[in-house]
Amino acid sequence: MSTVILAPTTITLTIDGGLSTSSIATMAMPFSGRITAAWVACTTAPVGSALTADLKVGSDVAAAFSIAAAGTSDEGTLTAANCDFVAGSLVSLDVSAVGSSTAGSGMTVAFTVTESN
């Protein structure tokens, strides 16, 4: 554990190609900390209905996203109680809806974290 105060870090998770409701990207966090902001974008906009996804710490939703039909980005709505993590925690981008007539594709989430001392 560091005793130095570190600057916030931005981490990205990407799901390439066409999205489905089983699309997920996961990583283990290398340190303890807190998610302080999150954004998501896709390269192909969903058509017909929204593309929705969650940024999760374990099974808890830390940030929820909803990209409107024909849209390509959204700022996450954080659930403060679920934003803390410890070293080794799994953080995942989990897609729950992809659009109704054309699925979105190429999704990337960027989230800002601060390390705990």
C-alpha atoms as a PDB file:
ATOM      1  CA  MET A   1       0.000   0.000   0.000  1.00  0.00           C
ATOM      2  CA  SER A   2       1.289   3.415  -0.928  1.00  0.00           C
ATOM      3  CA  THR A   3       1.430   6.336   1.477  1.00  0.00           C
ATOM      4  CA  VAL A   4       1.633   8.746  -1.448  1.00  0.00           C
ATOM      5  CA  ILE A   5      -1.557  10.473  -2.579  1.00  0.00           C
ATOM      6  CA  LEU A   6      -2.001   9.432  -6.186  1.00  0.00           C
ATOM      7  CA  ALA A   7      -3.771  11.330  -8.927  1.00  0.00           C
ATOM      8  CA  PRO A   8      -7.049   9.864 -10.224  1.00  0.00           C
ATOM      9  CA  THR A   9      -6.611   7.180 -12.881  1.00  0.00           C
ATOM     10  CA  THR A  10      -8.846   6.478 -15.881  1.00  0.00           C
ATOM     11  CA  ILE A  11      -9.309   2.827 -16.832  1.00  0.00           C
ATOM     12  CA  THR A  12     -11.043   1.503 -19.958  1.00  0.00           C
ATOM     13  CA  LEU A  13     -12.830  -1.756 -20.750  1.00  0.00           C
ATOM     14  CA  THR A  14     -13.800  -2.543 -24.356  1.00  0.00           C
ATOM     15  CA  ILE A  15     -16.169  -4.997 -26.032  1.00  0.00           C
ATOM     16  CA  ASP A  16     -15.332  -5.224 -29.749  1.00  0.00           C
ATOM     17  CA  GLY A  17     -17.840  -6.019 -32.492  1.00  0.00           C
ATOM     18  CA  GLY A  18     -21.589  -6.517 -32.317  1.00  0.00           C
ATOM     19  CA  LEU A  19     -23.126  -6.414 -28.848  1.00  0.00           C
ATOM     20  CA  SER A  20     -25.520  -8.903 -27.317  1.00  0.00           C
ATOM     21  CA  THR A  21     -27.094  -9.272 -23.897  1.00  0.00           C
ATOM     22  CA  SER A  22     -24.346 -11.776 -23.073  1.00  0.00           C
ATOM     23  CA  SER A  23     -21.547  -9.284 -23.871  1.00  0.00           C
ATOM     24  CA  ILE A  24     -19.288  -8.627 -20.898  1.00  0.00           C
ATOM     25  CA  ALA A  25     -15.741  -7.408 -20.249  1.00  0.00           C
ATOM     26  CA  THR A  26     -14.119  -7.986 -16.851  1.00  0.00           C
ATOM     27  CA  MET A  27     -10.873  -7.062 -15.095  1.00  0.00           C
ATOM     28  CA  ALA A  28      -9.412  -7.540 -11.621  1.00  0.00           C
ATOM     29  CA  MET A  29      -8.505  -4.288  -9.906  1.00  0.00           C
ATOM     30  CA  PRO A  30      -4.798  -4.078  -8.997  1.00  0.00           C
ATOM     31  CA  PHE A  31      -5.380  -1.801  -5.983  1.00  0.00           C
ATOM     32  CA  SER A  32      -8.125  -0.682  -3.579  1.00  0.00           C
ATOM     33  CA  GLY A  33     -10.078   2.473  -4.357  1.00  0.00           C
ATOM     34  CA  ARG A  34     -13.290   4.150  -5.437  1.00  0.00           C
ATOM     35  CA  ILE A  35     -14.961   4.756  -8.809  1.00  0.00           C
ATOM     36  CA  THR A  36     -15.644   8.489  -9.069  1.00  0.00           C
ATOM     37  CA  ALA A  37     -17.034   8.856 -12.625  1.00  0.00           C
ATOM     38  CA  ALA A  38     -17.881   6.704 -15.651  1.00  0.00           C
ATOM     39  CA  TRP A  39     -18.708   7.225 -19.333  1.00  0.00           C
ATOM     40  CA  VAL A  40     -19.600   4.810 -22.099  1.00  0.00           C
ATOM     41  CA  ALA A  41     -19.550   5.080 -25.897  1.00  0.00           C
ATOM     42  CA  CYS A  42     -20.262   2.793 -28.824  1.00  0.00           C
ATOM     43  CA  THR A  43     -19.086   3.000 -32.433  1.00  0.00           C
ATOM     44  CA  THR A  44     -22.445   1.935 -33.926  1.00  0.00           C
ATOM     45  CA  ALA A  45     -25.570   3.465 -32.428  1.00  0.00           C
ATOM     46  CA  PRO A  46     -28.464   1.229 -31.383  1.00  0.00           C
ATOM     47  CA  VAL A  47     -31.616   1.551 -33.510  1.00  0.00           C
ATOM     48  CA  GLY A  48     -35.198   1.221 -32.292  1.00  0.00           C
ATOM     49  CA  SER A  49     -34.530   1.342 -28.556  1.00  0.00           C
ATOM     50  CA  ALA A  50     -31.823   2.156 -26.033  1.00  0.00           C
ATOM     51  CA  LEU A  51     -28.610   0.271 -25.439  1.00  0.00           C
ATOM     52  CA  THR A  52     -28.215  -0.292 -21.687  1.00  0.00           C
ATOM     53  CA  ALA A  53     -25.281  -1.540 -19.650  1.00  0.00           C
ATOM     54  CA  ASP A  54     -23.916  -1.544 -16.112  1.00  0.00           C
ATOM     55  CA  LEU A  55     -20.456  -1.092 -14.678  1.00  0.00           C
ATOM     56  CA  LYS A  56     -20.333  -3.550 -11.789  1.00  0.00           C
ATOM     57  CA  VAL A  57     -18.057  -4.119  -8.825  1.00  0.00           C
ATOM     58  CA  GLY A  58     -18.584  -7.821  -8.204  1.00  0.00           C
ATOM     59  CA  SER A  59     -22.349  -8.233  -8.661  1.00  0.00           C
ATOM     60  CA  ASP A  60     -23.215  -4.695  -7.466  1.00  0.00           C
ATOM     61  CA  VAL A  61     -24.043  -1.950  -9.997  1.00  0.00           C
ATOM     62  CA  ALA A  62     -21.622   0.956  -9.551  1.00  0.00           C
ATOM     63  CA  ALA A  63     -22.783   2.878 -12.657  1.00  0.00           C
ATOM     64  CA  ALA A  64     -25.767   2.465 -14.983  1.00  0.00           C
ATOM     65  CA  PHE A  65     -25.732   3.559 -18.644  1.00  0.00           C
ATOM     66  CA  SER A  66     -28.490   4.110 -21.195  1.00  0.00           C
ATOM     67  CA  ILE A  67     -27.510   5.138 -24.718  1.00  0.00           C
ATOM     68  CA  ALA A  68     -30.645   6.372 -26.484  1.00  0.00           C
ATOM     69  CA  ALA A  69     -31.610   4.969 -29.891  1.00  0.00           C
ATOM     70  CA  ALA A  70     -29.397   6.689 -32.510  1.00  0.00           C
ATOM     71  CA  GLY A  71     -27.056   7.909 -29.725  1.00  0.00           C
ATOM     72  CA  THR A  72     -23.461   6.858 -29.173  1.00  0.00           C
ATOM     73  CA  SER A  73     -22.549   7.885 -25.599  1.00  0.00           C
ATOM     74  CA  ASP A  74     -23.758   8.376 -22.037  1.00  0.00           C
ATOM     75  CA  GLU A  75     -22.401   9.463 -18.668  1.00  0.00           C
ATOM     76  CA  GLY A  76     -22.996   6.834 -16.011  1.00  0.00           C
ATOM     77  CA  THR A  77     -25.364   7.330 -13.110  1.00  0.00           C
ATOM     78  CA  LEU A  78     -23.287   6.285 -10.102  1.00  0.00           C
ATOM     79  CA  THR A  79     -24.604   4.325  -7.132  1.00  0.00           C
ATOM     80  CA  ALA A  80     -22.243   5.671  -4.458  1.00  0.00           C
ATOM     81  CA  ALA A  81     -22.723   2.739  -2.080  1.00  0.00           C
ATOM     82  CA  ASN A  82     -21.353   0.359  -4.749  1.00  0.00           C
ATOM     83  CA  CYS A  83     -18.329   2.348  -5.999  1.00  0.00           C
ATOM     84  CA  ASP A  84     -15.704   1.143  -3.472  1.00  0.00           C
ATOM     85  CA  PHE A  85     -13.499  -1.826  -4.359  1.00  0.00           C
ATOM     86  CA  VAL A  86     -10.533  -3.692  -2.880  1.00  0.00           C
ATOM     87  CA  ALA A  87      -7.487  -5.059  -4.660  1.00  0.00           C
ATOM     88  CA  GLY A  88      -8.559  -8.125  -6.608  1.00  0.00           C
ATOM     89  CA  SER A  89     -12.201  -7.048  -6.970  1.00  0.00           C
ATOM     90  CA  LEU A  90     -13.708  -7.875 -10.353  1.00  0.00           C
ATOM     91  CA  VAL A  91     -15.050  -4.862 -12.243  1.00  0.00           C
ATOM     92  CA  SER A  92     -17.138  -5.575 -15.328  1.00  0.00           C
ATOM     93  CA  LEU A  93     -19.025  -3.892 -18.150  1.00  0.00           C
ATOM     94  CA  ASP A  94     -22.250  -5.886 -18.526  1.00  0.00           C
ATOM     95  CA  VAL A  95     -24.621  -5.239 -21.473  1.00  0.00           C
ATOM     96  CA  SER A  96     -28.341  -5.750 -20.768  1.00  0.00           C
ATOM     97  CA  ALA A  97     -30.067  -4.365 -23.922  1.00  0.00           C
ATOM     98  CA  VAL A  98     -28.663  -3.616 -27.391  1.00  0.00           C
ATOM     99  CA  GLY A  99     -31.381  -1.844 -29.405  1.00  0.00           C
ATOM    100  CA  SER A 100     -34.436  -3.421 -31.017  1.00  0.00           C
ATOM    101  CA  SER A 101     -33.910  -3.358 -34.789  1.00  0.00           C
ATOM    102  CA  THR A 102     -30.130  -2.804 -34.999  1.00  0.00           C
ATOM    103  CA  ALA A 103     -27.798  -3.690 -32.157  1.00  0.00           C
ATOM    104  CA  GLY A 104     -25.118  -1.252 -31.094  1.00  0.00           C
ATOM    105  CA  SER A 105     -21.506  -2.321 -31.481  1.00  0.00           C
ATOM    106  CA  GLY A 106     -18.011  -1.474 -30.343  1.00  0.00           C
ATOM    107  CA  MET A 107     -18.588  -0.420 -26.729  1.00  0.00           C
ATOM    108  CA  THR A 108     -15.961   1.160 -24.475  1.00  0.00           C
ATOM    109  CA  VAL A 109     -16.385   2.296 -20.892  1.00  0.00           C
ATOM    110  CA  ALA A 110     -13.929   4.714 -19.286  1.00  0.00           C
ATOM    111  CA  PHE A 111     -14.102   5.062 -15.526  1.00  0.00           C
ATOM    112  CA  THR A 112     -12.122   7.239 -13.170  1.00  0.00           C
ATOM    113  CA  VAL A 113     -10.831   5.785  -9.921  1.00  0.00           C
ATOM    114  CA  THR A 114      -8.960   7.079  -6.913  1.00  0.00           C
ATOM    115  CA  GLU A 115      -6.654   4.751  -5.013  1.00  0.00           C
ATOM    116  CA  SER A 116      -7.215   4.200  -1.296  1.00  0.00           C
ATOM    117  CA  ASN A 117      -4.290   4.503   1.085  1.00  0.00           C
END
